[in-house]
Amino acid sequence: MTGATHTVSRISWRAGSTAEESDTVVTEVPVALVYNGVSHVVMMATPTDLEDLALGFSLSEGIIASPGQLLDCELQQRDQGLELQMRVTNERFAALKARRRNLTGRTGCGLCGLESLEQAIPPLSPVHGDYTLSHSALQAAVMGLDQAQILKQHTGGVHGALWCNTNGHIELVREDVGRHNALDKLLGALQRGDYASEGFVLVTSRASYEMVAKVASCGIPILAAVSAPTSLAIQQAQDCQLTLAGFVQPGRQVIYTHPQRIVEDS
C-alpha cells in the first residue's frame, strides 16, 4: 500500500479521557487525466492502481471503445499532484475534442461542464448475459467484504469495488476515496487480467445512475450495491437490461430490475 496511506497524530476522547495517538488515513491527491497532451479531467483519488483507473475511466466514459485504443499511459509527478499522460488513437481523440468538457471530479459527485440534458443522460446499450447466480452468492460476497478490503481495514476511509464470480467468491478488489474511481479501477483491471467471465460487480456505496452506466458500458449484466439505488439508476438499469441489486447486506438484499438472473438456492 505504498503511497496509499499517511500517518498522522490525533487526540482521541473516550468516556471522558483523552489520549494522544497516531492514526493511519487514506491518501487523497489531485490526479489529472490528460489525453494526447490535452487535460480532460482532474479528480481527487487515492494514488494506487492508477493505470487501471486510466483504462477503466477511458472505457466507462466512452473516450475509447476498446482497450487497444489506449496506446500509451505514463504517470508523471507534478508539484500539485499527479498526471496520467495517455495517448489514444487519432479517431478517438478527434471524437473527444468534439465533445470536450472541462470538469473537476471530487469525492462528492456532480455533472459539471455538460451543456444539455441530453448529454447528462445518454442512452445505454443493452447488456447481455444469460447466466444466473443465487441469493447465497450475493450473501457470500458481502460477507467477505471486510476481509477483502485491505485499505479500508487500515483507514476506514475508502470505497471498494469488487469482482465476484457466480459463486460469490471475490476475485478482484479495487479501493479509492471516490466510489466512481474505485469502480473505474476495477473495470480497468478486469480488462487487464484473467478473471471469471461470468460474475457481478459489488460496490460499497449507493448505486447511482453513473455506476449503472459505467458497469453497463463494459457489458457486465449484474451490479450489486450495499446501499440504496437512485430512481434514475433503477430506470436506466431496467432500460439497458441490467440486473440491479441494492441493500446487499448480511441477511438481506433487494432486487430492483431484471430479477431473472438471481435465483433461489437449490
Protein backbone atom coordinates (compact mmCIF):
# COMPACT_ATOMS: atom_id res chain seq x y z
CA MET A 1 0.00 0.00 0.00
CA THR A 2 2.91 2.36 -0.65
CA GLY A 3 1.56 5.86 -1.11
CA ALA A 4 -2.00 4.82 -0.23
CA THR A 5 -1.87 5.95 3.40
CA HIS A 6 -0.45 8.66 5.65
CA THR A 7 0.34 8.50 9.35
CA VAL A 8 -0.93 11.48 11.36
CA SER A 9 -1.21 12.41 15.02
CA ARG A 10 -4.57 12.71 16.72
CA ILE A 11 -6.20 13.23 20.09
CA SER A 12 -8.89 10.71 20.96
CA TRP A 13 -11.63 11.21 23.53
CA ARG A 14 -13.30 8.17 25.07
CA ALA A 15 -15.61 8.26 28.10
CA GLY A 16 -14.15 11.49 29.41
CA SER A 17 -10.48 10.63 28.88
CA THR A 18 -8.19 11.98 26.13
CA ALA A 19 -5.10 10.37 24.65
CA GLU A 20 -2.51 11.35 22.05
CA GLU A 21 -2.27 8.69 19.36
CA SER A 22 -1.19 8.10 15.79
CA ASP A 23 -3.64 7.29 13.04
CA THR A 24 -3.46 5.90 9.52
CA VAL A 25 -5.51 7.84 6.99
CA VAL A 26 -6.08 7.31 3.30
CA THR A 27 -4.12 9.46 0.85
CA GLU A 28 -6.11 11.81 -1.37
CA VAL A 29 -4.38 13.69 -4.20
CA PRO A 30 -5.39 15.50 -7.40
CA VAL A 31 -4.96 13.28 -10.45
CA ALA A 32 -5.21 14.84 -13.90
CA LEU A 33 -6.18 12.64 -16.85
CA VAL A 34 -4.51 14.01 -19.96
CA TYR A 35 -5.29 12.73 -23.47
CA ASN A 36 -2.84 13.42 -26.28
CA GLY A 37 -1.49 16.41 -24.38
CA VAL A 38 -4.89 17.91 -23.52
CA SER A 39 -6.12 17.83 -19.91
CA HIS A 40 -9.62 16.37 -19.75
CA VAL A 41 -10.48 15.95 -16.08
CA VAL A 42 -8.97 16.37 -12.62
CA MET A 43 -10.24 14.12 -9.86
CA MET A 44 -9.38 13.55 -6.25
CA ALA A 45 -8.16 9.97 -5.95
CA THR A 46 -6.06 7.52 -3.98
CA PRO A 47 -2.72 7.12 -5.82
CA THR A 48 -2.89 3.34 -6.30
CA ASP A 49 -3.72 1.27 -9.39
CA LEU A 50 -3.75 4.43 -11.49
CA GLU A 51 -3.17 2.62 -14.78
CA ASP A 52 -6.33 0.66 -14.05
CA LEU A 53 -8.08 3.96 -13.35
CA ALA A 54 -6.88 5.39 -16.65
CA LEU A 55 -8.14 2.43 -18.67
CA GLY A 56 -11.38 1.99 -16.77
CA PHE A 57 -12.28 5.67 -16.92
CA SER A 58 -11.46 5.84 -20.61
CA LEU A 59 -13.73 2.88 -21.33
CA SER A 60 -16.60 3.71 -18.98
CA GLU A 61 -16.75 7.33 -20.16
CA GLY A 62 -16.75 6.29 -23.83
CA ILE A 63 -13.46 8.02 -24.62
CA ILE A 64 -12.25 4.75 -26.11
CA ALA A 65 -14.36 1.85 -27.32
CA SER A 66 -11.81 -0.92 -26.70
CA PRO A 67 -8.64 -1.28 -24.60
CA GLY A 68 -6.42 -1.32 -27.68
CA GLN A 69 -7.36 2.29 -28.45
CA LEU A 70 -5.41 3.40 -25.37
CA LEU A 71 -1.96 3.35 -26.93
CA ASP A 72 0.14 4.53 -24.01
CA CYS A 73 -0.17 5.63 -20.40
CA GLU A 74 2.54 7.29 -18.32
CA LEU A 75 2.25 8.52 -14.74
CA GLN A 76 4.04 11.81 -14.06
CA GLN A 77 4.62 13.55 -10.73
CA ARG A 78 3.81 17.26 -10.58
CA ASP A 79 4.21 19.75 -7.74
CA GLN A 80 0.45 19.94 -7.28
CA GLY A 81 -0.35 16.26 -7.80
CA LEU A 82 -0.17 13.54 -10.43
CA GLU A 83 -0.80 13.39 -14.15
CA LEU A 84 -1.80 10.37 -16.18
CA GLN A 85 -0.46 11.17 -19.63
CA MET A 86 -2.38 9.00 -22.09
CA ARG A 87 -2.22 8.63 -25.83
CA VAL A 88 -5.29 7.41 -27.71
CA THR A 89 -5.88 6.81 -31.41
CA ASN A 90 -6.40 9.84 -33.60
CA GLU A 91 -10.01 8.80 -34.26
CA ARG A 92 -10.87 8.63 -30.57
CA PHE A 93 -9.05 11.87 -29.80
CA ALA A 94 -10.98 13.66 -32.54
CA ALA A 95 -14.23 12.38 -31.01
CA LEU A 96 -13.09 13.51 -27.56
CA LYS A 97 -12.31 17.01 -28.79
CA ALA A 98 -15.75 17.20 -30.38
CA ARG A 99 -17.41 16.76 -27.01
CA ARG A 100 -14.64 18.06 -24.80
CA ARG A 101 -15.72 19.42 -21.48
CA ASN A 102 -13.83 20.94 -18.61
CA LEU A 103 -14.86 19.46 -15.28
CA THR A 104 -13.40 18.79 -11.88
CA GLY A 105 -14.12 15.49 -10.18
CA ARG A 106 -14.45 15.49 -6.42
CA THR A 107 -15.09 12.99 -3.67
CA GLY A 108 -18.68 14.21 -3.95
CA CYS A 109 -20.49 13.79 -7.24
CA GLY A 110 -21.84 16.06 -9.92
CA LEU A 111 -22.29 16.57 -13.61
CA CYS A 112 -20.13 19.61 -14.34
CA GLY A 113 -19.41 21.02 -17.75
CA LEU A 114 -22.35 19.43 -19.55
CA GLU A 115 -24.17 21.68 -21.98
CA SER A 116 -27.55 19.91 -22.24
CA LEU A 117 -29.83 17.43 -20.52
CA GLU A 118 -29.30 15.03 -23.41
CA GLN A 119 -25.59 14.93 -22.58
CA ALA A 120 -26.34 14.22 -18.92
CA ILE A 121 -28.42 11.11 -19.60
CA PRO A 122 -27.29 9.43 -22.83
CA PRO A 123 -28.96 6.15 -23.80
CA LEU A 124 -27.23 2.94 -22.70
CA SER A 125 -26.76 -0.05 -24.96
CA PRO A 126 -28.44 -3.24 -23.71
CA VAL A 127 -26.26 -5.64 -21.76
CA HIS A 128 -26.39 -9.36 -22.38
CA GLY A 129 -25.73 -12.32 -20.14
CA ASP A 130 -28.00 -15.28 -19.60
CA TYR A 131 -26.13 -16.75 -16.64
CA THR A 132 -27.60 -16.73 -13.15
CA LEU A 133 -26.37 -16.62 -9.59
CA SER A 134 -28.04 -17.48 -6.33
CA HIS A 135 -29.07 -15.25 -3.46
CA SER A 136 -26.45 -17.03 -1.38
CA ALA A 137 -23.75 -15.92 -3.85
CA LEU A 138 -24.60 -12.29 -3.15
CA GLN A 139 -24.51 -13.04 0.56
CA ALA A 140 -21.15 -14.80 0.28
CA ALA A 141 -19.67 -11.76 -1.42
CA VAL A 142 -20.94 -9.23 1.09
CA MET A 143 -19.80 -11.42 3.98
CA GLY A 144 -16.29 -11.33 2.52
CA LEU A 145 -16.12 -7.56 2.15
CA ASP A 146 -14.29 -6.72 5.37
CA GLN A 147 -11.54 -9.25 4.80
CA ALA A 148 -11.12 -8.27 1.15
CA GLN A 149 -10.81 -4.52 1.69
CA ILE A 150 -7.26 -4.17 3.00
CA LEU A 151 -7.07 -0.39 2.64
CA LYS A 152 -10.37 0.05 4.46
CA GLN A 153 -9.05 -2.11 7.30
CA HIS A 154 -6.17 0.33 7.75
CA THR A 155 -8.01 3.63 7.24
CA GLY A 156 -11.78 3.17 7.30
CA GLY A 157 -12.00 5.89 4.65
CA VAL A 158 -12.37 4.29 1.23
CA HIS A 159 -14.95 2.83 -1.10
CA GLY A 160 -14.49 -0.56 -2.69
CA ALA A 161 -15.48 -2.14 -5.99
CA LEU A 162 -15.19 -5.91 -6.26
CA TRP A 163 -15.49 -8.52 -9.00
CA CYS A 164 -17.17 -11.68 -7.74
CA ASN A 165 -17.74 -14.92 -9.61
CA THR A 166 -21.14 -16.60 -9.77
CA ASN A 167 -20.42 -18.43 -6.51
CA GLY A 168 -19.86 -15.14 -4.71
CA HIS A 169 -16.10 -15.61 -4.42
CA ILE A 170 -14.32 -12.24 -4.55
CA GLU A 171 -11.66 -12.40 -7.26
CA LEU A 172 -10.59 -8.78 -7.57
CA VAL A 173 -10.73 -5.67 -5.36
CA ARG A 174 -10.03 -2.01 -6.06
CA GLU A 175 -10.30 0.76 -3.45
CA ASP A 176 -10.30 4.55 -3.58
CA VAL A 177 -11.56 7.61 -1.73
CA GLY A 178 -14.03 8.07 -4.59
CA ARG A 179 -16.65 5.44 -5.39
CA HIS A 180 -16.51 6.20 -9.11
CA ASN A 181 -12.72 5.92 -9.05
CA ALA A 182 -12.87 2.56 -7.29
CA LEU A 183 -15.28 1.28 -9.92
CA ASP A 184 -13.20 2.60 -12.81
CA LYS A 185 -10.10 0.99 -11.31
CA LEU A 186 -11.95 -2.32 -11.14
CA LEU A 187 -13.26 -2.07 -14.71
CA GLY A 188 -9.77 -1.29 -15.96
CA ALA A 189 -8.22 -4.15 -14.00
CA LEU A 190 -10.79 -6.58 -15.40
CA GLN A 191 -9.62 -5.71 -18.90
CA ARG A 192 -6.00 -6.43 -17.98
CA GLY A 193 -6.34 -9.67 -16.03
CA ASP A 194 -7.67 -13.20 -16.39
CA TYR A 195 -10.79 -13.38 -14.26
CA ALA A 196 -14.03 -15.30 -14.44
CA SER A 197 -16.03 -14.16 -17.45
CA GLU A 198 -19.30 -14.62 -15.58
CA GLY A 199 -19.94 -12.81 -12.33
CA PHE A 200 -21.04 -9.49 -10.87
CA VAL A 201 -19.76 -6.19 -9.56
CA LEU A 202 -20.27 -5.35 -5.88
CA VAL A 203 -19.81 -1.76 -4.74
CA THR A 204 -19.66 -0.44 -1.18
CA SER A 205 -21.83 2.59 -1.87
CA ARG A 206 -25.19 3.58 -3.20
CA ALA A 207 -25.99 2.72 -6.82
CA SER A 208 -26.30 5.94 -8.81
CA TYR A 209 -27.04 6.30 -12.50
CA GLU A 210 -23.34 6.79 -13.18
CA MET A 211 -22.47 3.49 -11.51
CA VAL A 212 -25.06 1.70 -13.64
CA ALA A 213 -23.79 3.42 -16.78
CA LYS A 214 -20.16 2.51 -16.11
CA VAL A 215 -20.95 -1.16 -15.45
CA ALA A 216 -23.28 -1.41 -18.44
CA SER A 217 -20.73 0.25 -20.72
CA CYS A 218 -18.39 -2.68 -20.05
CA GLY A 219 -21.09 -5.26 -20.79
CA ILE A 220 -21.47 -6.52 -17.21
CA PRO A 221 -25.08 -7.59 -16.57
CA ILE A 222 -25.25 -7.56 -12.74
CA LEU A 223 -24.48 -4.74 -10.31
CA ALA A 224 -24.93 -5.11 -6.55
CA ALA A 225 -24.62 -2.28 -4.04
CA VAL A 226 -24.55 -2.36 -0.27
CA SER A 227 -26.68 0.78 -0.10
CA ALA A 228 -29.70 2.19 -1.92
CA PRO A 229 -30.15 2.78 -5.63
CA THR A 230 -31.46 6.05 -7.00
CA SER A 231 -34.61 6.32 -9.10
CA LEU A 232 -32.60 7.08 -12.23
CA ALA A 233 -30.28 4.14 -11.60
CA ILE A 234 -33.31 1.83 -11.44
CA GLN A 235 -34.83 3.33 -14.58
CA GLN A 236 -31.61 3.06 -16.57
CA ALA A 237 -30.87 -0.46 -15.32
CA GLN A 238 -34.33 -1.52 -16.39
CA ASP A 239 -33.92 0.07 -19.82
CA CYS A 240 -30.49 -1.47 -20.52
CA GLN A 241 -31.47 -4.90 -19.16
CA LEU A 242 -29.04 -4.82 -16.25
CA THR A 243 -29.85 -6.63 -13.01
CA LEU A 244 -29.57 -4.16 -10.14
CA ALA A 245 -29.48 -5.26 -6.51
CA GLY A 246 -29.43 -2.85 -3.58
CA PHE A 247 -29.14 -3.04 0.20
CA VAL A 248 -26.93 -6.12 -0.18
CA GLN A 249 -26.10 -6.67 3.46
CA PRO A 250 -25.75 -9.73 5.70
CA GLY A 251 -29.14 -11.43 5.72
CA ARG A 252 -30.78 -9.03 3.27
CA GLN A 253 -30.84 -7.87 -0.35
CA VAL A 254 -33.34 -6.28 -2.72
CA ILE A 255 -33.51 -6.95 -6.46
CA TYR A 256 -34.85 -3.94 -8.36
CA THR A 257 -34.53 -4.86 -12.04
CA HIS A 258 -34.33 -7.99 -14.20
CA PRO A 259 -34.58 -10.42 -11.28
CA GLN A 260 -34.40 -13.48 -13.55
CA ARG A 261 -30.61 -13.54 -13.10
CA ILE A 262 -30.89 -14.03 -9.32
CA VAL A 263 -32.34 -17.43 -8.44
CA GLU A 264 -33.33 -19.23 -5.30
CA ASP A 265 -30.77 -21.56 -3.75
CA SER A 266 -31.20 -25.16 -4.82
